[in-house]
Amino acid sequence: MSKREQRRRAINQRFRRMFLVALLMGLAMGFVFGRCSASSKDRPEPIVEQDQLTSVIPDVTLEPMETPLVEEPAEPERILLGSFRITAYCSCEKCCGEWAKNRPNGIVYGAAGVELKAGVSCASPLPLGTVVEVEGLGEYIVQDRPAQWVIDKYGENQIDIYFDSHEAASAFGLKQLNVYEKGEPTE
């Protein structure tokens, strides 16, 4: 089992435990509050003077708990994938060749079957759905694949960022930057 699968399993197990704890606590609290409100409807509220309140409330100092009851979900750990060749592309025939023809309603779909969005989508040989952080540029989701000849020529360490226009893609140029894996997107 790969480290990624082990990490994904560990995150899923933590989430399930947190969900179960929250569910059980919610049920217990609902039961307690339901019992309290049901029994308090039968009794009239006592009249309490202001000076009685101070004598009833004890002077208590609360100590912080050593371990929290529910773990906060951890931010996905960044994993350095290395230095990548970063380029840009759009949906035109110069960038996509034969794939630019016959787009349904002009919508551009990537290899993952989702509509590509500028500033979000990228093409890479990395697994589809992987969230990457490109140093100095931000986070992108691998939703498309580069052409095989591009992989053969430049290797696996490459990311092609999707832009809405050919002018913007051309202006981006070519960069060599560090890339970090952030995990899979949450929807």
Protein backbone atom coordinates (compact mmCIF):
# COMPACT_ATOMS: atom_id res chain seq x y z
CA MET A 1 0.00 0.00 0.00
CA SER A 2 1.46 3.38 -0.99
CA LYS A 3 2.09 6.19 1.48
CA ARG A 4 -0.65 8.23 -0.17
CA GLU A 5 -3.20 5.45 0.32
CA GLN A 6 -2.08 4.98 3.94
CA ARG A 7 -2.42 8.72 4.59
CA ARG A 8 -5.84 8.81 2.91
CA ARG A 9 -6.98 5.83 5.02
CA ALA A 10 -5.71 7.44 8.22
CA ILE A 11 -7.56 10.68 7.42
CA ASN A 12 -10.75 8.75 6.63
CA GLN A 13 -10.49 6.81 9.90
CA ARG A 14 -9.97 10.02 11.91
CA PHE A 15 -12.94 11.63 10.19
CA ARG A 16 -15.15 8.61 10.92
CA ARG A 17 -14.11 8.63 14.59
CA MET A 18 -14.77 12.36 14.89
CA PHE A 19 -18.15 11.97 13.19
CA LEU A 20 -19.12 9.10 15.49
CA VAL A 21 -18.07 11.03 18.61
CA ALA A 22 -19.98 14.13 17.46
CA LEU A 23 -23.05 12.02 16.64
CA LEU A 24 -23.02 10.27 20.02
CA MET A 25 -22.47 13.54 21.89
CA GLY A 26 -25.32 15.14 19.96
CA LEU A 27 -27.65 12.28 20.80
CA ALA A 28 -26.67 12.37 24.48
CA MET A 29 -27.07 16.15 24.69
CA GLY A 30 -30.43 15.96 22.91
CA PHE A 31 -31.62 13.32 25.37
CA VAL A 32 -30.44 15.31 28.41
CA PHE A 33 -31.91 18.61 27.19
CA GLY A 34 -35.11 16.88 26.18
CA ARG A 35 -35.48 15.35 29.65
CA CYS A 36 -34.65 18.65 31.37
CA SER A 37 -37.10 20.69 29.30
CA ALA A 38 -39.85 18.09 29.73
CA SER A 39 -39.46 18.00 33.51
CA SER A 40 -39.14 21.79 33.84
CA LYS A 41 -42.51 22.37 32.12
CA ASP A 42 -44.27 20.69 35.03
CA ARG A 43 -42.60 22.84 37.73
CA PRO A 44 -43.09 26.56 38.23
CA GLU A 45 -39.88 28.61 38.17
CA PRO A 46 -38.70 29.62 41.65
CA ILE A 47 -38.25 33.27 42.44
CA VAL A 48 -34.58 33.99 43.11
CA GLU A 49 -33.28 37.16 44.68
CA GLN A 50 -30.06 38.72 43.37
CA ASP A 51 -28.12 38.06 46.61
CA GLN A 52 -29.14 34.37 46.48
CA LEU A 53 -27.47 33.94 43.08
CA THR A 54 -24.02 34.86 44.34
CA SER A 55 -24.24 32.43 47.22
CA VAL A 56 -25.32 29.54 44.97
CA ILE A 57 -22.57 29.87 42.35
CA PRO A 58 -19.32 28.44 43.73
CA ASP A 59 -15.93 29.98 43.01
CA VAL A 60 -14.49 27.48 40.51
CA THR A 61 -11.31 27.70 38.46
CA LEU A 62 -11.44 25.71 35.25
CA GLU A 63 -8.31 23.83 34.23
CA PRO A 64 -7.58 23.30 30.53
CA MET A 65 -7.98 19.74 29.32
CA GLU A 66 -4.82 17.87 28.37
CA THR A 67 -6.36 16.25 25.30
CA PRO A 68 -9.30 17.60 23.31
CA LEU A 69 -12.46 15.51 23.07
CA VAL A 70 -12.61 15.88 19.30
CA GLU A 71 -9.52 16.21 17.13
CA GLU A 72 -9.46 19.06 14.65
CA PRO A 73 -8.96 17.83 11.08
CA ALA A 74 -5.34 18.49 10.21
CA GLU A 75 -4.35 20.59 7.22
CA PRO A 76 -3.08 18.19 4.55
CA GLU A 77 0.67 17.87 4.83
CA ARG A 78 2.59 19.42 1.95
CA ILE A 79 4.89 16.98 0.22
CA LEU A 80 7.61 18.38 -2.01
CA LEU A 81 7.37 16.67 -5.37
CA GLY A 82 10.38 18.50 -6.78
CA SER A 83 11.18 21.10 -9.40
CA PHE A 84 8.63 21.08 -12.22
CA ARG A 85 8.45 22.56 -15.70
CA ILE A 86 5.43 24.90 -15.53
CA THR A 87 3.72 25.97 -18.77
CA ALA A 88 0.28 27.24 -19.76
CA TYR A 89 -2.42 26.30 -22.26
CA CYS A 90 -5.93 27.24 -23.35
CA SER A 91 -8.66 25.49 -25.33
CA CYS A 92 -7.54 26.74 -28.78
CA GLU A 93 -6.32 24.53 -31.61
CA LYS A 94 -2.71 25.74 -31.18
CA CYS A 95 -2.68 24.48 -27.59
CA CYS A 96 -4.97 21.43 -27.82
CA GLY A 97 -4.74 20.31 -31.45
CA GLU A 98 -7.53 17.92 -32.45
CA TRP A 99 -9.11 18.13 -28.99
CA ALA A 100 -10.06 21.76 -29.67
CA LYS A 101 -12.63 20.68 -32.27
CA ASN A 102 -16.26 19.81 -31.49
CA ARG A 103 -16.43 21.11 -27.92
CA PRO A 104 -20.01 20.63 -26.63
CA ASN A 105 -21.55 24.12 -26.19
CA GLY A 106 -18.02 25.53 -26.09
CA ILE A 107 -17.41 23.92 -22.67
CA VAL A 108 -13.88 22.64 -22.17
CA TYR A 109 -13.71 19.29 -20.37
CA GLY A 110 -10.47 17.81 -19.08
CA ALA A 111 -9.43 14.17 -18.93
CA ALA A 112 -11.11 13.92 -15.49
CA GLY A 113 -14.47 14.68 -17.13
CA VAL A 114 -14.94 18.02 -15.38
CA GLU A 115 -15.16 21.50 -16.88
CA LEU A 116 -11.77 23.20 -16.82
CA LYS A 117 -11.56 26.54 -15.02
CA ALA A 118 -8.83 29.15 -15.29
CA GLY A 119 -6.98 29.56 -12.00
CA VAL A 120 -8.10 26.10 -10.80
CA SER A 121 -7.37 23.44 -13.43
CA CYS A 122 -4.08 22.08 -14.68
CA ALA A 123 -2.79 19.20 -16.80
CA SER A 124 -0.11 16.86 -15.44
CA PRO A 125 0.93 13.20 -15.45
CA LEU A 126 0.15 13.21 -11.69
CA PRO A 127 -3.03 11.32 -10.63
CA LEU A 128 -6.27 13.08 -11.59
CA GLY A 129 -7.77 14.98 -8.65
CA THR A 130 -4.42 15.66 -7.00
CA VAL A 131 -4.22 19.13 -5.45
CA VAL A 132 -0.83 20.72 -6.03
CA GLU A 133 0.66 23.95 -4.78
CA VAL A 134 2.92 25.59 -7.32
CA GLU A 135 5.48 27.77 -5.56
CA GLY A 136 4.50 31.43 -5.93
CA LEU A 137 1.41 30.68 -8.08
CA GLY A 138 -1.08 28.97 -5.75
CA GLU A 139 -3.08 25.74 -5.69
CA TYR A 140 -4.34 23.84 -8.73
CA ILE A 141 -6.24 20.59 -9.26
CA VAL A 142 -4.98 18.06 -11.81
CA GLN A 143 -8.04 17.71 -14.07
CA ASP A 144 -6.40 17.14 -17.44
CA ARG A 145 -3.51 15.32 -19.09
CA PRO A 146 -0.76 16.68 -21.33
CA ALA A 147 -0.19 15.06 -24.72
CA GLN A 148 1.94 11.91 -24.61
CA TRP A 149 4.58 13.44 -26.88
CA VAL A 150 5.01 16.27 -24.33
CA ILE A 151 5.58 13.74 -21.54
CA ASP A 152 8.00 11.79 -23.74
CA LYS A 153 9.95 14.95 -24.60
CA TYR A 154 10.02 16.73 -21.19
CA GLY A 155 9.42 13.96 -18.63
CA GLU A 156 6.94 13.47 -15.81
CA ASN A 157 7.76 16.61 -13.76
CA GLN A 158 5.54 19.07 -15.56
CA ILE A 159 2.35 21.01 -15.01
CA ASP A 160 0.40 22.84 -17.69
CA ILE A 161 -1.90 25.50 -16.16
CA TYR A 162 -5.24 26.16 -17.90
CA PHE A 163 -6.08 29.72 -19.02
CA ASP A 164 -9.23 31.12 -20.67
CA SER A 165 -7.37 32.78 -23.57
CA HIS A 166 -4.37 32.02 -25.75
CA GLU A 167 -2.96 35.50 -25.07
CA ALA A 168 -2.91 34.86 -21.30
CA ALA A 169 -1.37 31.39 -21.79
CA SER A 170 1.32 32.79 -24.10
CA ALA A 171 2.09 35.64 -21.70
CA PHE A 172 2.61 33.11 -18.87
CA GLY A 173 5.57 31.57 -20.66
CA LEU A 174 7.73 28.83 -19.17
CA LYS A 175 8.82 28.59 -15.53
CA GLN A 176 10.79 26.09 -13.43
CA LEU A 177 9.26 26.01 -9.91
CA ASN A 178 8.93 23.73 -6.88
CA VAL A 179 5.64 21.84 -6.65
CA TYR A 180 4.05 20.42 -3.49
CA GLU A 181 1.31 17.81 -3.25
CA LYS A 182 -1.55 18.95 -1.02
CA GLY A 183 -3.86 15.90 -1.31
CA GLU A 184 -7.25 15.55 -2.94
CA PRO A 185 -9.86 18.32 -3.18
CA THR A 186 -12.73 18.49 -0.76
CA GLU A 187 -16.02 19.34 -2.31
